[in-house]
Amino acid sequence: MRNGFESACQHSGMDWPHDPDGEEGSEGGRKYGQAVIAKKIDEDEDFPLNKAEFVEEVGDHPIRLDYERVVSLADIFEHVDGEEFGDFVELHKAVGKAMRENGFWFYEGADQFVTGKKA
């Protein structure tokens, strides 16, 4: 159990569109979670960002959560509140909240940011 959750789902044996640990994924294992998602966004051109269109475009891309788990971007965005985001900060807060509340956040102490906090 991690942060009060059994574990976010792990897609073992998935046929990802690219290597989750390659340069297009987590840059050789140097980036995880939100950092990998952030690489898929161009702050100058992608906002306002429509969640459905974004998931349609890159939803099958792998997101390495930690040294053990890889999930699809769609798995995370299934829990993100909101349909459109005006800027990167708004999106980042919504994604972080969804990740913490649904077991996609592996950092120790993440649970202290879930209860009673607003994204």
PDB file of N, CA and C in Angstrom:
ATOM      1  N   MET A   1       0.851  -1.177   0.000  1.00  0.00           N
ATOM      2  CA  MET A   1       0.000   0.000   0.000  1.00  0.00           C
ATOM      3  C   MET A   1       0.896   1.239   0.000  1.00  0.00           C
ATOM      4  N   ARG A   2       0.543   2.207  -0.794  1.00  0.00           N
ATOM      5  CA  ARG A   2       1.338   3.422  -0.908  1.00  0.00           C
ATOM      6  C   ARG A   2       0.404   4.623  -0.822  1.00  0.00           C
ATOM      7  N   ASN A   3       0.638   5.514   0.107  1.00  0.00           N
ATOM      8  CA  ASN A   3      -0.172   6.720   0.284  1.00  0.00           C
ATOM      9  C   ASN A   3      -1.653   6.409   0.418  1.00  0.00           C
ATOM     10  N   GLY A   4      -1.971   5.307   1.115  1.00  0.00           N
ATOM     11  CA  GLY A   4      -3.363   4.952   1.354  1.00  0.00           C
ATOM     12  C   GLY A   4      -4.034   4.219   0.210  1.00  0.00           C
ATOM     13  N   PHE A   5      -3.310   3.925  -0.858  1.00  0.00           N
ATOM     14  CA  PHE A   5      -3.877   3.225  -2.001  1.00  0.00           C
ATOM     15  C   PHE A   5      -3.166   1.898  -2.175  1.00  0.00           C
ATOM     16  N   GLU A   6      -3.904   0.897  -2.614  1.00  0.00           N
ATOM     17  CA  GLU A   6      -3.283  -0.399  -2.887  1.00  0.00           C
ATOM     18  C   GLU A   6      -2.169  -0.194  -3.908  1.00  0.00           C
ATOM     19  N   SER A   7      -2.491   0.391  -5.019  1.00  0.00           N
ATOM     20  CA  SER A   7      -1.518   0.708  -6.051  1.00  0.00           C
ATOM     21  C   SER A   7      -2.276   1.155  -7.282  1.00  0.00           C
ATOM     22  N   ALA A   8      -1.745   2.131  -7.971  1.00  0.00           N
ATOM     23  CA  ALA A   8      -2.335   2.490  -9.251  1.00  0.00           C
ATOM     24  C   ALA A   8      -2.079   1.327 -10.195  1.00  0.00           C
ATOM     25  N   CYS A   9      -2.944   1.169 -11.172  1.00  0.00           N
ATOM     26  CA  CYS A   9      -2.797   0.029 -12.072  1.00  0.00           C
ATOM     27  C   CYS A   9      -1.465   0.081 -12.809  1.00  0.00           C
ATOM     28  N   GLN A  10      -0.962  -1.083 -13.110  1.00  0.00           N
ATOM     29  CA  GLN A  10       0.300  -1.230 -13.842  1.00  0.00           C
ATOM     30  C   GLN A  10      -0.010  -1.994 -15.108  1.00  0.00           C
ATOM     31  N   HIS A  11       0.359  -1.460 -16.226  1.00  0.00           N
ATOM     32  CA  HIS A  11       0.122  -2.134 -17.495  1.00  0.00           C
ATOM     33  C   HIS A  11       1.380  -2.896 -17.901  1.00  0.00           C
ATOM     34  N   SER A  12       1.485  -4.106 -17.433  1.00  0.00           N
ATOM     35  CA  SER A  12       2.652  -4.892 -17.817  1.00  0.00           C
ATOM     36  C   SER A  12       2.426  -5.471 -19.198  1.00  0.00           C
ATOM     37  N   GLY A  13       3.479  -5.550 -19.951  1.00  0.00           N
ATOM     38  CA  GLY A  13       3.402  -6.129 -21.275  1.00  0.00           C
ATOM     39  C   GLY A  13       2.654  -5.288 -22.296  1.00  0.00           C
ATOM     40  N   MET A  14       2.415  -4.010 -21.980  1.00  0.00           N
ATOM     41  CA  MET A  14       1.714  -3.142 -22.930  1.00  0.00           C
ATOM     42  C   MET A  14       2.590  -2.897 -24.145  1.00  0.00           C
ATOM     43  N   ASP A  15       1.940  -2.721 -25.255  1.00  0.00           N
ATOM     44  CA  ASP A  15       2.633  -2.374 -26.483  1.00  0.00           C
ATOM     45  C   ASP A  15       2.592  -0.855 -26.611  1.00  0.00           C
ATOM     46  N   TRP A  16       3.490  -0.188 -25.894  1.00  0.00           N
ATOM     47  CA  TRP A  16       3.503   1.274 -25.856  1.00  0.00           C
ATOM     48  C   TRP A  16       3.950   1.836 -27.202  1.00  0.00           C
ATOM     49  N   PRO A  17       3.511   3.066 -27.538  1.00  0.00           N
ATOM     50  CA  PRO A  17       3.962   3.681 -28.795  1.00  0.00           C
ATOM     51  C   PRO A  17       5.445   4.062 -28.770  1.00  0.00           C
ATOM     52  N   HIS A  18       6.042   4.124 -27.589  1.00  0.00           N
ATOM     53  CA  HIS A  18       7.476   4.334 -27.452  1.00  0.00           C
ATOM     54  C   HIS A  18       7.924   3.783 -26.101  1.00  0.00           C
ATOM     55  N   ASP A  19       9.213   3.631 -25.929  1.00  0.00           N
ATOM     56  CA  ASP A  19       9.791   3.067 -24.712  1.00  0.00           C
ATOM     57  C   ASP A  19       9.540   4.013 -23.535  1.00  0.00           C
ATOM     58  N   PRO A  20       8.872   3.516 -22.465  1.00  0.00           N
ATOM     59  CA  PRO A  20       8.625   4.384 -21.313  1.00  0.00           C
ATOM     60  C   PRO A  20       9.907   4.919 -20.673  1.00  0.00           C
ATOM     61  N   ASP A  21      11.018   4.237 -20.879  1.00  0.00           N
ATOM     62  CA  ASP A  21      12.281   4.656 -20.277  1.00  0.00           C
ATOM     63  C   ASP A  21      13.246   5.270 -21.285  1.00  0.00           C
ATOM     64  N   GLY A  22      12.794   5.448 -22.516  1.00  0.00           N
ATOM     65  CA  GLY A  22      13.631   6.067 -23.530  1.00  0.00           C
ATOM     66  C   GLY A  22      13.560   7.585 -23.447  1.00  0.00           C
ATOM     67  N   GLU A  23      14.223   8.242 -24.367  1.00  0.00           N
ATOM     68  CA  GLU A  23      14.262   9.707 -24.363  1.00  0.00           C
ATOM     69  C   GLU A  23      12.875  10.316 -24.556  1.00  0.00           C
ATOM     70  N   GLU A  24      12.013   9.672 -25.338  1.00  0.00           N
ATOM     71  CA  GLU A  24      10.673  10.198 -25.561  1.00  0.00           C
ATOM     72  C   GLU A  24       9.767   9.950 -24.354  1.00  0.00           C
ATOM     73  N   GLY A  25      10.138   8.996 -23.517  1.00  0.00           N
ATOM     74  CA  GLY A  25       9.358   8.674 -22.327  1.00  0.00           C
ATOM     75  C   GLY A  25       9.862   9.425 -21.122  1.00  0.00           C
ATOM     76  N   SER A  26      10.579   8.715 -20.259  1.00  0.00           N
ATOM     77  CA  SER A  26      11.047   9.338 -19.014  1.00  0.00           C
ATOM     78  C   SER A  26      12.512   9.737 -19.085  1.00  0.00           C
ATOM     79  N   GLU A  27      12.996   9.952 -20.302  1.00  0.00           N
ATOM     80  CA  GLU A  27      14.377  10.377 -20.522  1.00  0.00           C
ATOM     81  C   GLU A  27      15.362   9.452 -19.810  1.00  0.00           C
ATOM     82  N   GLY A  28      15.241   8.171 -20.092  1.00  0.00           N
ATOM     83  CA  GLY A  28      16.170   7.205 -19.523  1.00  0.00           C
ATOM     84  C   GLY A  28      15.958   6.967 -18.038  1.00  0.00           C
ATOM     85  N   GLY A  29      14.740   7.187 -17.553  1.00  0.00           N
ATOM     86  CA  GLY A  29      14.431   6.954 -16.150  1.00  0.00           C
ATOM     87  C   GLY A  29      14.720   8.142 -15.253  1.00  0.00           C
ATOM     88  N   ARG A  30      14.988   9.306 -15.842  1.00  0.00           N
ATOM     89  CA  ARG A  30      15.295  10.489 -15.040  1.00  0.00           C
ATOM     90  C   ARG A  30      14.056  11.296 -14.677  1.00  0.00           C
ATOM     91  N   LYS A  31      12.931  11.060 -15.372  1.00  0.00           N
ATOM     92  CA  LYS A  31      11.712  11.823 -15.105  1.00  0.00           C
ATOM     93  C   LYS A  31      10.557  10.869 -14.843  1.00  0.00           C
ATOM     94  N   TYR A  32       9.687  11.289 -13.942  1.00  0.00           N
ATOM     95  CA  TYR A  32       8.533  10.492 -13.561  1.00  0.00           C
ATOM     96  C   TYR A  32       7.283  11.353 -13.526  1.00  0.00           C
ATOM     97  N   GLY A  33       6.116  10.701 -13.637  1.00  0.00           N
ATOM     98  CA  GLY A  33       4.824  11.319 -13.405  1.00  0.00           C
ATOM     99  C   GLY A  33       4.578  12.625 -14.119  1.00  0.00           C
ATOM    100  N   GLN A  34       4.344  13.665 -13.334  1.00  0.00           N
ATOM    101  CA  GLN A  34       4.007  14.967 -13.911  1.00  0.00           C
ATOM    102  C   GLN A  34       5.100  15.519 -14.815  1.00  0.00           C
ATOM    103  N   ALA A  35       6.338  15.214 -14.532  1.00  0.00           N
ATOM    104  CA  ALA A  35       7.425  15.717 -15.383  1.00  0.00           C
ATOM    105  C   ALA A  35       7.325  15.134 -16.790  1.00  0.00           C
ATOM    106  N   VAL A  36       6.922  13.876 -16.903  1.00  0.00           N
ATOM    107  CA  VAL A  36       6.757  13.253 -18.215  1.00  0.00           C
ATOM    108  C   VAL A  36       5.557  13.876 -18.926  1.00  0.00           C
ATOM    109  N   ILE A  37       4.477  14.104 -18.197  1.00  0.00           N
ATOM    110  CA  ILE A  37       3.291  14.731 -18.787  1.00  0.00           C
ATOM    111  C   ILE A  37       3.629  16.145 -19.264  1.00  0.00           C
ATOM    112  N   ALA A  38       4.365  16.893 -18.471  1.00  0.00           N
ATOM    113  CA  ALA A  38       4.725  18.273 -18.824  1.00  0.00           C
ATOM    114  C   ALA A  38       5.506  18.348 -20.130  1.00  0.00           C
ATOM    115  N   LYS A  39       6.317  17.322 -20.406  1.00  0.00           N
ATOM    116  CA  LYS A  39       7.095  17.308 -21.649  1.00  0.00           C
ATOM    117  C   LYS A  39       6.212  17.225 -22.888  1.00  0.00           C
ATOM    118  N   LYS A  40       4.992  16.797 -22.732  1.00  0.00           N
ATOM    119  CA  LYS A  40       4.089  16.614 -23.865  1.00  0.00           C
ATOM    120  C   LYS A  40       3.323  17.889 -24.210  1.00  0.00           C
ATOM    121  N   ILE A  41       3.555  18.948 -23.449  1.00  0.00           N
ATOM    122  CA  ILE A  41       2.793  20.182 -23.593  1.00  0.00           C
ATOM    123  C   ILE A  41       3.704  21.335 -23.988  1.00  0.00           C
ATOM    124  N   ASP A  42       3.242  22.110 -24.951  1.00  0.00           N
ATOM    125  CA  ASP A  42       3.930  23.334 -25.349  1.00  0.00           C
ATOM    126  C   ASP A  42       3.144  24.496 -24.740  1.00  0.00           C
ATOM    127  N   GLU A  43       3.715  25.118 -23.716  1.00  0.00           N
ATOM    128  CA  GLU A  43       3.010  26.185 -22.992  1.00  0.00           C
ATOM    129  C   GLU A  43       2.563  27.326 -23.902  1.00  0.00           C
ATOM    130  N   ASP A  44       3.329  27.605 -24.941  1.00  0.00           N
ATOM    131  CA  ASP A  44       3.013  28.733 -25.811  1.00  0.00           C
ATOM    132  C   ASP A  44       1.925  28.420 -26.826  1.00  0.00           C
ATOM    133  N   GLU A  45       1.767  27.139 -27.191  1.00  0.00           N
ATOM    134  CA  GLU A  45       0.843  26.802 -28.271  1.00  0.00           C
ATOM    135  C   GLU A  45      -0.348  25.947 -27.868  1.00  0.00           C
ATOM    136  N   ASP A  46      -0.296  25.243 -26.762  1.00  0.00           N
ATOM    137  CA  ASP A  46      -1.328  24.251 -26.441  1.00  0.00           C
ATOM    138  C   ASP A  46      -2.476  24.758 -25.567  1.00  0.00           C
ATOM    139  N   PHE A  47      -2.413  26.012 -25.143  1.00  0.00           N
ATOM    140  CA  PHE A  47      -3.469  26.517 -24.261  1.00  0.00           C
ATOM    141  C   PHE A  47      -4.320  27.533 -24.976  1.00  0.00           C
ATOM    142  N   PRO A  48      -5.632  27.501 -24.707  1.00  0.00           N
ATOM    143  CA  PRO A  48      -6.289  26.616 -23.753  1.00  0.00           C
ATOM    144  C   PRO A  48      -6.191  25.163 -24.234  1.00  0.00           C
ATOM    145  N   LEU A  49      -6.031  24.249 -23.268  1.00  0.00           N
ATOM    146  CA  LEU A  49      -5.864  22.836 -23.570  1.00  0.00           C
ATOM    147  C   LEU A  49      -7.167  22.101 -23.287  1.00  0.00           C
ATOM    148  N   ASN A  50      -7.684  21.422 -24.296  1.00  0.00           N
ATOM    149  CA  ASN A  50      -8.893  20.628 -24.162  1.00  0.00           C
ATOM    150  C   ASN A  50      -8.497  19.224 -23.730  1.00  0.00           C
ATOM    151  N   LYS A  51      -9.000  18.774 -22.593  1.00  0.00           N
ATOM    152  CA  LYS A  51      -8.610  17.480 -22.028  1.00  0.00           C
ATOM    153  C   LYS A  51      -8.911  16.334 -22.989  1.00  0.00           C
ATOM    154  N   ALA A  52     -10.094  16.305 -23.559  1.00  0.00           N
ATOM    155  CA  ALA A  52     -10.477  15.198 -24.449  1.00  0.00           C
ATOM    156  C   ALA A  52      -9.562  15.119 -25.666  1.00  0.00           C
ATOM    157  N   GLU A  53      -9.247  16.259 -26.255  1.00  0.00           N
ATOM    158  CA  GLU A  53      -8.364  16.274 -27.425  1.00  0.00           C
ATOM    159  C   GLU A  53      -6.948  15.834 -27.055  1.00  0.00           C
ATOM    160  N   PHE A  54      -6.469  16.271 -25.904  1.00  0.00           N
ATOM    161  CA  PHE A  54      -5.130  15.909 -25.436  1.00  0.00           C
ATOM    162  C   PHE A  54      -5.040  14.401 -25.196  1.00  0.00           C
ATOM    163  N   VAL A  55      -6.058  13.851 -24.534  1.00  0.00           N
ATOM    164  CA  VAL A  55      -6.068  12.407 -24.261  1.00  0.00           C
ATOM    165  C   VAL A  55      -6.189  11.632 -25.563  1.00  0.00           C
ATOM    166  N   GLU A  56      -6.973  12.125 -26.504  1.00  0.00           N
ATOM    167  CA  GLU A  56      -7.090  11.464 -27.809  1.00  0.00           C
ATOM    168  C   GLU A  56      -5.725  11.408 -28.512  1.00  0.00           C
ATOM    169  N   GLU A  57      -4.974  12.481 -28.393  1.00  0.00           N
ATOM    170  CA  GLU A  57      -3.676  12.583 -29.068  1.00  0.00           C
ATOM    171  C   GLU A  57      -2.583  11.745 -28.397  1.00  0.00           C
ATOM    172  N   VAL A  58      -2.496  11.778 -27.069  1.00  0.00           N
ATOM    173  CA  VAL A  58      -1.370  11.118 -26.389  1.00  0.00           C
ATOM    174  C   VAL A  58      -1.803  10.205 -25.236  1.00  0.00           C
ATOM    175  N   GLY A  59      -3.076   9.850 -25.194  1.00  0.00           N
ATOM    176  CA  GLY A  59      -3.588   9.039 -24.091  1.00  0.00           C
ATOM    177  C   GLY A  59      -2.941   7.679 -23.948  1.00  0.00           C
ATOM    178  N   ASP A  60      -2.450   7.117 -25.052  1.00  0.00           N
ATOM    179  CA  ASP A  60      -1.814   5.802 -24.985  1.00  0.00           C
ATOM    180  C   ASP A  60      -0.329   5.874 -24.649  1.00  0.00           C
ATOM    181  N   HIS A  61       0.198   7.064 -24.443  1.00  0.00           N
ATOM    182  CA  HIS A  61       1.614   7.206 -24.119  1.00  0.00           C
ATOM    183  C   HIS A  61       1.877   6.743 -22.680  1.00  0.00           C
ATOM    184  N   PRO A  62       3.016   6.092 -22.471  1.00  0.00           N
ATOM    185  CA  PRO A  62       3.345   5.597 -21.131  1.00  0.00           C
ATOM    186  C   PRO A  62       3.846   6.706 -20.215  1.00  0.00           C
ATOM    187  N   ILE A  63       3.415   6.643 -18.963  1.00  0.00           N
ATOM    188  CA  ILE A  63       3.884   7.575 -17.936  1.00  0.00           C
ATOM    189  C   ILE A  63       4.487   6.737 -16.822  1.00  0.00           C
ATOM    190  N   ARG A  64       5.799   6.849 -16.648  1.00  0.00           N
ATOM    191  CA  ARG A  64       6.453   6.116 -15.561  1.00  0.00           C
ATOM    192  C   ARG A  64       6.169   6.877 -14.270  1.00  0.00           C
ATOM    193  N   LEU A  65       5.559   6.164 -13.308  1.00  0.00           N
ATOM    194  CA  LEU A  65       5.216   6.780 -12.025  1.00  0.00           C
ATOM    195  C   LEU A  65       6.356   6.666 -11.030  1.00  0.00           C
ATOM    196  N   ASP A  66       7.061   5.563 -11.070  1.00  0.00           N
ATOM    197  CA  ASP A  66       8.173   5.309 -10.169  1.00  0.00           C
ATOM    198  C   ASP A  66       8.983   4.165 -10.756  1.00  0.00           C
ATOM    199  N   TYR A  67       9.893   3.629  -9.995  1.00  0.00           N
ATOM    200  CA  TYR A  67      10.771   2.589 -10.526  1.00  0.00           C
ATOM    201  C   TYR A  67      10.034   1.297 -10.841  1.00  0.00           C
ATOM    202  N   GLU A  68       8.790   1.140 -10.371  1.00  0.00           N
ATOM    203  CA  GLU A  68       8.031  -0.088 -10.591  1.00  0.00           C
ATOM    204  C   GLU A  68       6.868   0.047 -11.565  1.00  0.00           C
ATOM    205  N   ARG A  69       6.257   1.218 -11.634  1.00  0.00           N
ATOM    206  CA  ARG A  69       4.974   1.341 -12.314  1.00  0.00           C
ATOM    207  C   ARG A  69       4.992   2.263 -13.516  1.00  0.00           C
ATOM    208  N   VAL A  70       4.315   1.782 -14.570  1.00  0.00           N
ATOM    209  CA  VAL A  70       4.089   2.559 -15.780  1.00  0.00           C
ATOM    210  C   VAL A  70       2.607   2.446 -16.101  1.00  0.00           C
ATOM    211  N   VAL A  71       1.962   3.580 -16.326  1.00  0.00           N
ATOM    212  CA  VAL A  71       0.550   3.605 -16.703  1.00  0.00           C
ATOM    213  C   VAL A  71       0.400   4.495 -17.931  1.00  0.00           C
ATOM    214  N   SER A  72      -0.760   4.457 -18.539  1.00  0.00           N
ATOM    215  CA  SER A  72      -1.000   5.338 -19.681  1.00  0.00           C
ATOM    216  C   SER A  72      -1.413   6.723 -19.191  1.00  0.00           C
ATOM    217  N   LEU A  73      -1.188   7.713 -20.023  1.00  0.00           N
ATOM    218  CA  LEU A  73      -1.630   9.064 -19.707  1.00  0.00           C
ATOM    219  C   LEU A  73      -3.144   9.080 -19.523  1.00  0.00           C
ATOM    220  N   ALA A  74      -3.863   8.296 -20.320  1.00  0.00           N
ATOM    221  CA  ALA A  74      -5.323   8.229 -20.209  1.00  0.00           C
ATOM    222  C   ALA A  74      -5.761   7.737 -18.834  1.00  0.00           C
ATOM    223  N   ASP A  75      -5.014   6.793 -18.244  1.00  0.00           N
ATOM    224  CA  ASP A  75      -5.348   6.297 -16.910  1.00  0.00           C
ATOM    225  C   ASP A  75      -5.323   7.424 -15.886  1.00  0.00           C
ATOM    226  N   ILE A  76      -4.363   8.302 -16.001  1.00  0.00           N
ATOM    227  CA  ILE A  76      -4.260   9.434 -15.073  1.00  0.00           C
ATOM    228  C   ILE A  76      -5.359  10.458 -15.358  1.00  0.00           C
ATOM    229  N   PHE A  77      -5.538  10.805 -16.625  1.00  0.00           N
ATOM    230  CA  PHE A  77      -6.486  11.858 -16.987  1.00  0.00           C
ATOM    231  C   PHE A  77      -7.940  11.449 -16.783  1.00  0.00           C
ATOM    232  N   GLU A  78      -8.197  10.168 -16.612  1.00  0.00           N
ATOM    233  CA  GLU A  78      -9.537   9.695 -16.273  1.00  0.00           C
ATOM    234  C   GLU A  78     -10.004  10.326 -14.960  1.00  0.00           C
ATOM    235  N   HIS A  79      -9.058  10.697 -14.105  1.00  0.00           N
ATOM    236  CA  HIS A  79      -9.366  11.247 -12.778  1.00  0.00           C
ATOM    237  C   HIS A  79      -9.174  12.758 -12.683  1.00  0.00           C
ATOM    238  N   VAL A  80      -8.743  13.394 -13.758  1.00  0.00           N
ATOM    239  CA  VAL A  80      -8.496  14.841 -13.741  1.00  0.00           C
ATOM    240  C   VAL A  80      -9.816  15.585 -13.903  1.00  0.00           C
ATOM    241  N   ASP A  81     -10.124  16.458 -12.936  1.00  0.00           N
ATOM    242  CA  ASP A  81     -11.338  17.271 -13.010  1.00  0.00           C
ATOM    243  C   ASP A  81     -11.128  18.411 -13.991  1.00  0.00           C
ATOM    244  N   GLY A  82     -12.168  18.724 -14.733  1.00  0.00           N
ATOM    245  CA  GLY A  82     -12.113  19.822 -15.688  1.00  0.00           C
ATOM    246  C   GLY A  82     -12.017  19.312 -17.111  1.00  0.00           C
ATOM    247  N   GLU A  83     -12.542  20.090 -18.026  1.00  0.00           N
ATOM    248  CA  GLU A  83     -12.527  19.710 -19.437  1.00  0.00           C
ATOM    249  C   GLU A  83     -11.584  20.574 -20.264  1.00  0.00           C
ATOM    250  N   GLU A  84     -11.282  21.776 -19.758  1.00  0.00           N
ATOM    251  CA  GLU A  84     -10.382  22.677 -20.474  1.00  0.00           C
ATOM    252  C   GLU A  84      -9.568  23.456 -19.454  1.00  0.00           C
ATOM    253  N   PHE A  85      -8.308  23.708 -19.803  1.00  0.00           N
ATOM    254  CA  PHE A  85      -7.387  24.392 -18.893  1.00  0.00           C
ATOM    255  C   PHE A  85      -6.808  25.607 -19.603  1.00  0.00           C
ATOM    256  N   GLY A  86      -6.876  26.739 -18.917  1.00  0.00           N
ATOM    257  CA  GLY A  86      -6.447  28.002 -19.513  1.00  0.00           C
ATOM    258  C   GLY A  86      -4.952  28.190 -19.592  1.00  0.00           C
ATOM    259  N   ASP A  87      -4.214  27.555 -18.668  1.00  0.00           N
ATOM    260  CA  ASP A  87      -2.758  27.697 -18.685  1.00  0.00           C
ATOM    261  C   ASP A  87      -2.110  26.478 -18.019  1.00  0.00           C
ATOM    262  N   PHE A  88      -0.813  26.440 -18.072  1.00  0.00           N
ATOM    263  CA  PHE A  88      -0.067  25.294 -17.558  1.00  0.00           C
ATOM    264  C   PHE A  88      -0.265  25.109 -16.056  1.00  0.00           C
ATOM    265  N   VAL A  89      -0.286  26.193 -15.305  1.00  0.00           N
ATOM    266  CA  VAL A  89      -0.433  26.098 -13.847  1.00  0.00           C
ATOM    267  C   VAL A  89      -1.774  25.461 -13.489  1.00  0.00           C
ATOM    268  N   GLU A  90      -2.838  25.878 -14.141  1.00  0.00           N
ATOM    269  CA  GLU A  90      -4.161  25.307 -13.893  1.00  0.00           C
ATOM    270  C   GLU A  90      -4.167  23.803 -14.189  1.00  0.00           C
ATOM    271  N   LEU A  91      -3.591  23.413 -15.313  1.00  0.00           N
ATOM    272  CA  LEU A  91      -3.509  21.994 -15.671  1.00  0.00           C
ATOM    273  C   LEU A  91      -2.655  21.232 -14.667  1.00  0.00           C
ATOM    274  N   HIS A  92      -1.508  21.788 -14.337  1.00  0.00           N
ATOM    275  CA  HIS A  92      -0.562  21.126 -13.424  1.00  0.00           C
ATOM    276  C   HIS A  92      -1.214  20.852 -12.063  1.00  0.00           C
ATOM    277  N   LYS A  93      -1.972  21.802 -11.551  1.00  0.00           N
ATOM    278  CA  LYS A  93      -2.657  21.625 -10.272  1.00  0.00           C
ATOM    279  C   LYS A  93      -3.708  20.521 -10.356  1.00  0.00           C
ATOM    280  N   ALA A  94      -4.480  20.496 -11.431  1.00  0.00           N
ATOM    281  CA  ALA A  94      -5.527  19.483 -11.590  1.00  0.00           C
ATOM    282  C   ALA A  94      -4.932  18.089 -11.743  1.00  0.00           C
ATOM    283  N   VAL A  95      -3.850  17.975 -12.505  1.00  0.00           N
ATOM    284  CA  VAL A  95      -3.192  16.677 -12.692  1.00  0.00           C
ATOM    285  C   VAL A  95      -2.580  16.213 -11.374  1.00  0.00           C
ATOM    286  N   GLY A  96      -1.917  17.091 -10.660  1.00  0.00           N
ATOM    287  CA  GLY A  96      -1.314  16.732  -9.377  1.00  0.00           C
ATOM    288  C   GLY A  96      -2.351  16.256  -8.380  1.00  0.00           C
ATOM    289  N   LYS A  97      -3.471  16.946  -8.319  1.00  0.00           N
ATOM    290  CA  LYS A  97      -4.551  16.560  -7.414  1.00  0.00           C
ATOM    291  C   LYS A  97      -5.070  15.167  -7.771  1.00  0.00           C
ATOM    292  N   ALA A  98      -5.314  14.931  -9.049  1.00  0.00           N
ATOM    293  CA  ALA A  98      -5.808  13.620  -9.495  1.00  0.00           C
ATOM    294  C   ALA A  98      -4.805  12.519  -9.188  1.00  0.00           C
ATOM    295  N   MET A  99      -3.535  12.804  -9.392  1.00  0.00           N
ATOM    296  CA  MET A  99      -2.505  11.795  -9.133  1.00  0.00           C
ATOM    297  C   MET A  99      -2.429  11.469  -7.644  1.00  0.00           C
ATOM    298  N   ARG A 100      -2.466  12.482  -6.793  1.00  0.00           N
ATOM    299  CA  ARG A 100      -2.385  12.241  -5.347  1.00  0.00           C
ATOM    300  C   ARG A 100      -3.612  11.490  -4.837  1.00  0.00           C
ATOM    301  N   GLU A 101      -4.782  11.858  -5.318  1.00  0.00           N
ATOM    302  CA  GLU A 101      -6.021  11.257  -4.818  1.00  0.00           C
ATOM    303  C   GLU A 101      -6.269   9.842  -5.333  1.00  0.00           C
ATOM    304  N   ASN A 102      -5.552   9.416  -6.361  1.00  0.00           N
ATOM    305  CA  ASN A 102      -5.849   8.130  -6.989  1.00  0.00           C
ATOM    306  C   ASN A 102      -4.676   7.166  -7.033  1.00  0.00           C
ATOM    307  N   GLY A 103      -3.680   7.393  -6.197  1.00  0.00           N
ATOM    308  CA  GLY A 103      -2.588   6.434  -6.069  1.00  0.00           C
ATOM    309  C   GLY A 103      -1.543   6.474  -7.166  1.00  0.00           C
ATOM    310  N   PHE A 104      -1.502   7.558  -7.931  1.00  0.00           N
ATOM    311  CA  PHE A 104      -0.498   7.698  -8.985  1.00  0.00           C
ATOM    312  C   PHE A 104       0.713   8.506  -8.509  1.00  0.00           C
ATOM    313  N   TRP A 105       0.729   8.891  -7.253  1.00  0.00           N
ATOM    314  CA  TRP A 105       1.788   9.747  -6.704  1.00  0.00           C
ATOM    315  C   TRP A 105       2.580   8.913  -5.723  1.00  0.00           C
ATOM    316  N   PHE A 106       3.860   8.748  -5.934  1.00  0.00           N
ATOM    317  CA  PHE A 106       4.623   7.849  -5.079  1.00  0.00           C
ATOM    318  C   PHE A 106       5.420   8.563  -3.997  1.00  0.00           C
ATOM    319  N   TYR A 107       5.466   9.866  -4.008  1.00  0.00           N
ATOM    320  CA  TYR A 107       6.285  10.588  -3.042  1.00  0.00           C
ATOM    321  C   TYR A 107       5.745  10.408  -1.630  1.00  0.00           C
ATOM    322  N   GLU A 108       6.631  10.169  -0.691  1.00  0.00           N
ATOM    323  CA  GLU A 108       6.226  10.041   0.706  1.00  0.00           C
ATOM    324  C   GLU A 108       5.601  11.350   1.172  1.00  0.00           C
ATOM    325  N   GLY A 109       4.505  11.244   1.891  1.00  0.00           N
ATOM    326  CA  GLY A 109       3.847  12.431   2.413  1.00  0.00           C
ATOM    327  C   GLY A 109       2.861  13.067   1.457  1.00  0.00           C
ATOM    328  N   ALA A 110       2.666  12.497   0.273  1.00  0.00           N
ATOM    329  CA  ALA A 110       1.741  13.090  -0.690  1.00  0.00           C
ATOM    330  C   ALA A 110       0.327  13.159  -0.145  1.00  0.00           C
ATOM    331  N   ASP A 111      -0.025  12.213   0.729  1.00  0.00           N
ATOM    332  CA  ASP A 111      -1.378  12.174   1.275  1.00  0.00           C
ATOM    333  C   ASP A 111      -1.725  13.430   2.086  1.00  0.00           C
ATOM    334  N   GLN A 112      -0.746  14.107   2.636  1.00  0.00           N
ATOM    335  CA  GLN A 112      -1.030  15.321   3.413  1.00  0.00           C
ATOM    336  C   GLN A 112      -1.546  16.449   2.526  1.00  0.00           C
ATOM    337  N   PHE A 113      -1.359  16.321   1.215  1.00  0.00           N
ATOM    338  CA  PHE A 113      -1.808  17.355   0.291  1.00  0.00           C
ATOM    339  C   PHE A 113      -3.145  17.017  -0.344  1.00  0.00           C
ATOM    340  N   VAL A 114      -3.772  15.910   0.058  1.00  0.00           N
ATOM    341  CA  VAL A 114      -5.027  15.492  -0.555  1.00  0.00           C
ATOM    342  C   VAL A 114      -6.229  15.979   0.253  1.00  0.00           C
ATOM    343  N   THR A 115      -6.293  15.663   1.510  1.00  0.00           N
ATOM    344  CA  THR A 115      -7.463  15.965   2.330  1.00  0.00           C
ATOM    345  C   THR A 115      -7.561  17.452   2.635  1.00  0.00           C
ATOM    346  N   GLY A 116      -8.709  17.998   2.281  1.00  0.00           N
ATOM    347  CA  GLY A 116      -9.001  19.388   2.629  1.00  0.00           C
ATOM    348  C   GLY A 116      -8.274  20.432   1.804  1.00  0.00           C
ATOM    349  N   LYS A 117      -7.524  20.036   0.819  1.00  0.00           N
ATOM    350  CA  LYS A 117      -6.818  21.011  -0.015  1.00  0.00           C
ATOM    351  C   LYS A 117      -7.510  21.121  -1.346  1.00  0.00           C
ATOM    352  N   LYS A 118      -7.537  22.304  -1.877  1.00  0.00           N
ATOM    353  CA  LYS A 118      -8.144  22.568  -3.160  1.00  0.00           C
ATOM    354  C   LYS A 118      -7.051  22.759  -4.192  1.00  0.00           C
ATOM    355  N   ALA A 119      -7.230  22.179  -5.360  1.00  0.00           N
ATOM    356  CA  ALA A 119      -6.216  22.306  -6.421  1.00  0.00           C
ATOM    357  C   ALA A 119      -6.151  23.720  -6.941  1.00  0.00           C
TER     358      ALA A 119
END
